[in-house]
Protein backbone atom coordinates (compact mmCIF):
# COMPACT_ATOMS: atom_id res chain seq x y z
CA MET A 1 118.15 77.56 143.06
CA GLU A 2 119.68 74.16 142.77
CA GLY A 3 119.70 72.56 139.33
CA PRO A 4 118.99 68.89 138.59
CA SER A 5 121.56 66.50 139.90
CA ALA A 6 123.39 63.96 137.79
CA SER A 7 121.20 61.29 139.42
CA ASP A 8 118.12 62.98 137.92
CA MET A 9 119.32 62.14 134.45
CA GLY A 10 118.01 58.61 134.37
CA SER A 11 120.10 55.46 134.52
CA HIS A 12 120.77 52.39 132.52
CA PRO A 13 120.33 49.16 134.46
CA SER A 14 123.77 47.84 133.44
CA VAL A 15 125.56 51.14 134.18
CA PRO A 16 124.12 52.49 137.41
CA SER A 17 127.00 54.95 138.03
CA ARG A 18 126.55 56.52 134.63
CA PRO A 19 123.21 58.39 134.67
CA VAL A 20 123.55 60.44 131.49
CA LEU A 21 126.16 58.67 129.52
CA ARG A 22 125.13 55.47 127.80
CA ARG A 23 127.97 54.91 125.38
CA ARG A 24 127.92 52.80 122.30
CA VAL A 25 130.26 52.57 119.36
CA ASN A 26 128.70 52.64 115.91
CA ASP A 27 130.75 50.37 113.63
CA ARG A 28 128.17 50.22 110.82
CA PRO A 29 129.64 51.66 107.60
CA VAL A 30 128.12 54.70 106.02
CA PRO A 31 125.99 53.48 103.10
CA GLY A 32 128.04 53.51 99.89
CA THR A 33 131.37 53.47 101.74
CA SER A 34 133.48 51.15 103.82
CA LYS A 35 133.96 53.88 106.49
CA SER A 36 132.22 54.14 109.84
CA PRO A 37 130.28 57.35 110.45
CA ALA A 38 132.87 58.24 113.05
CA SER A 39 135.73 57.96 110.52
CA VAL A 40 133.79 60.07 108.02
CA ALA A 41 133.52 62.82 110.66
CA ALA A 42 137.26 62.95 111.25
CA GLY A 43 139.10 65.71 113.00
CA MET A 44 138.35 69.43 113.07
CA THR A 45 137.01 69.21 109.51
CA THR A 46 133.95 67.42 110.84
CA ASP A 47 131.63 66.28 108.08
CA GLU A 48 128.37 67.79 109.28
CA SER A 49 126.17 65.24 107.46
CA ALA A 50 128.13 62.33 108.99
CA LEU A 51 127.78 63.81 112.45
CA ALA A 52 124.02 64.33 111.83
CA ARG A 53 123.79 60.59 110.78
CA GLU A 54 125.61 59.57 113.97
CA LEU A 55 123.19 61.62 116.11
CA ARG A 56 120.20 60.13 114.24
CA ALA A 57 121.57 56.65 114.80
CA ASP A 58 121.37 57.50 118.51
CA GLY A 59 117.73 58.50 118.19
CA ILE A 60 118.17 62.27 118.00
CA ASP A 61 115.82 64.09 115.59
CA VAL A 62 118.41 66.39 114.11
CA ALA A 63 117.20 69.72 112.77
CA ASP A 64 120.65 71.14 111.96
CA VAL A 65 124.38 70.61 112.59
CA ARG A 66 127.03 73.20 111.96
CA ALA A 67 130.74 72.77 112.60
CA SER A 68 133.57 75.26 112.77
CA PRO A 69 137.15 74.82 114.04
CA ASP A 70 136.18 76.02 117.48
CA ARG A 71 132.73 74.56 118.04
CA ILE A 72 129.87 72.31 116.89
CA ALA A 73 126.30 73.59 117.05
CA VAL A 74 123.46 71.07 117.08
CA ALA A 75 119.76 71.80 116.91
CA PHE A 76 117.35 68.92 117.46
CA THR A 77 113.66 68.42 117.94
CA THR A 78 112.85 66.79 121.25
CA THR A 79 110.53 63.81 121.55
CA LEU A 80 109.39 65.12 124.95
CA PRO A 81 108.36 68.80 124.48
CA GLY A 82 107.80 69.60 128.18
CA ALA A 83 109.03 72.61 130.10
CA ARG A 84 112.47 71.02 130.80
CA PRO A 85 114.68 69.08 128.36
CA ASP A 86 114.90 65.31 128.55
CA HIS A 87 118.19 64.28 130.18
CA GLY A 88 118.29 61.09 128.09
CA GLU A 89 118.34 63.18 124.91
CA ILE A 90 121.12 65.37 126.33
CA GLY A 91 123.02 62.21 127.22
CA ARG A 92 122.65 60.75 123.69
CA VAL A 93 123.98 63.88 122.07
CA CYS A 94 126.92 63.90 124.53
CA ASN A 95 127.57 60.18 123.99
CA THR A 96 127.70 60.56 120.24
CA VAL A 97 130.36 63.31 120.60
CA ILE A 98 132.23 61.38 123.25
CA ASP A 99 132.33 58.24 121.09
CA LEU A 100 133.79 60.24 118.21
CA VAL A 101 136.38 61.80 120.50
CA GLU A 102 137.33 58.45 122.08
CA ALA A 103 137.68 56.89 118.63
CA GLY A 104 140.07 59.70 117.67
CA GLU A 105 137.68 60.83 114.94
CA LEU A 106 136.94 64.23 116.46
CA GLU A 107 139.01 66.62 118.46
CA PRO A 108 137.46 67.74 121.75
CA THR A 109 135.38 70.74 120.70
CA ARG A 110 132.81 72.96 122.37
CA VAL A 111 129.31 71.65 121.58
CA GLU A 112 126.38 74.09 121.73
CA ALA A 113 122.99 72.39 121.61
CA THR A 114 119.50 73.74 121.15
CA SER A 115 116.53 71.50 121.98
CA LEU A 116 113.41 72.48 120.02
CA ARG A 117 109.82 71.60 120.84
CA PHE A 118 108.82 72.52 117.32
CA GLU A 119 110.59 74.31 114.53
CA ASP A 120 110.62 77.75 116.08
CA ASP A 121 109.96 76.87 119.75
CA VAL A 122 113.15 76.53 121.82
CA GLN A 123 112.82 74.25 124.76
CA ALA A 124 116.39 74.67 126.09
CA THR A 125 119.96 75.35 125.28
CA TRP A 126 123.01 73.77 126.79
CA HIS A 127 126.67 73.20 126.05
CA VAL A 128 129.73 71.05 126.60
CA GLU A 129 133.16 72.62 126.91
CA ALA A 130 136.05 71.12 125.00
CA GLY A 131 137.97 70.81 128.26
CA TRP A 132 135.23 68.69 129.78
CA LEU A 133 135.49 66.26 126.90
CA GLU A 134 139.28 66.18 127.27
CA GLY A 135 138.93 65.64 131.01
CA LEU A 136 136.38 62.82 130.62
CA THR A 137 138.25 60.94 127.92
CA SER A 138 141.55 61.25 129.80
CA TYR A 139 139.91 60.14 133.08
CA ARG A 140 140.63 63.46 134.85
CA ILE A 141 136.93 63.96 135.63
CA SER A 142 134.26 61.35 136.33
CA GLU A 143 131.18 60.70 134.23
CA GLU A 144 129.08 62.08 137.06
CA GLU A 145 131.12 65.29 137.14
CA PHE A 146 130.82 65.60 133.41
CA SER A 147 127.03 65.11 133.55
CA ALA A 148 126.62 67.64 136.37
CA ARG A 149 128.66 70.21 134.41
CA VAL A 150 126.49 69.74 131.33
CA LEU A 151 123.27 69.96 133.35
CA ASP A 152 124.51 73.17 135.00
CA THR A 153 124.57 74.82 131.57
CA VAL A 154 120.93 74.04 130.73
CA GLU A 155 118.91 77.24 130.06
CA THR A 156 115.18 77.10 129.72
CA GLU A 157 114.18 80.75 130.18
CA PHE A 158 115.02 83.23 127.50
CA ASP A 159 114.80 87.03 127.26
CA ASP A 160 112.75 88.39 124.41
CA ASP A 161 116.01 89.68 122.90
CA THR A 162 117.79 86.34 122.67
CA GLY A 163 116.63 85.61 119.13
CA THR A 164 115.25 82.21 120.05
CA ASP A 165 113.27 82.15 116.83
CA ALA A 166 116.46 82.60 114.77
CA PRO A 167 118.39 79.67 113.26
CA HIS A 168 119.57 77.56 116.17
CA ALA A 169 122.73 75.80 115.00
CA THR A 170 124.92 78.82 114.47
CA ALA A 171 128.54 77.71 114.22
CA GLU A 172 129.98 79.16 111.04
CA SER A 173 132.20 77.02 108.83
CA ASP A 174 134.56 78.07 106.11
CA ASP A 175 132.60 76.22 103.46
CA GLU A 176 129.23 77.72 104.43
CA ALA A 177 128.53 78.92 100.90
CA GLU A 178 129.25 75.44 99.50
CA ARG A 179 126.80 73.54 101.72
CA ALA A 180 124.71 71.20 99.59
CA ALA A 181 121.03 70.48 100.23
CA GLY A 182 120.49 67.66 102.63
CA ASP A 183 123.76 68.05 104.51
CA GLY A 184 124.19 68.65 108.19
CA GLY A 185 120.67 67.59 108.99
CA SER A 186 119.00 70.68 107.50
CA ARG A 187 115.41 70.01 106.63
């Protein structure tokens, strides 16, 4: 079975060759600081709440964000709860991470995403490999190739044993016990 092509991901009129990726750089400072959200989420010690704010600024309804040295897990509630995930939402999550990587505020890291229809109803899962982020930001792979790779990871059918009703953003961080209420997008 052939998956959706990169051209199925929608396009922006000013960037016809970039179907998923609609980049923007968020320079607005985090309230109460002089730092941009990207600078707050610096390096492998990603500030989960800053990353959640960045995703929300891109129109993503963040349910949870968890970061560890080897991956970032994002769970978000889709605005289009159909059988398949919205490629525009996938693109916005990717673009937020790409913007942070390009700004030098985040190391290329595996991103595991879960799209939820409702709190315990998983629509899809997908991921981005750290190497794909490195390849895209160093111009070794095209935006179309990056988009196709991401779309190839989309899973919409789950076995009963997958635990799809368990917490969805599952990257463990060293400071897990110290997480304060309201951080990382937890509701």
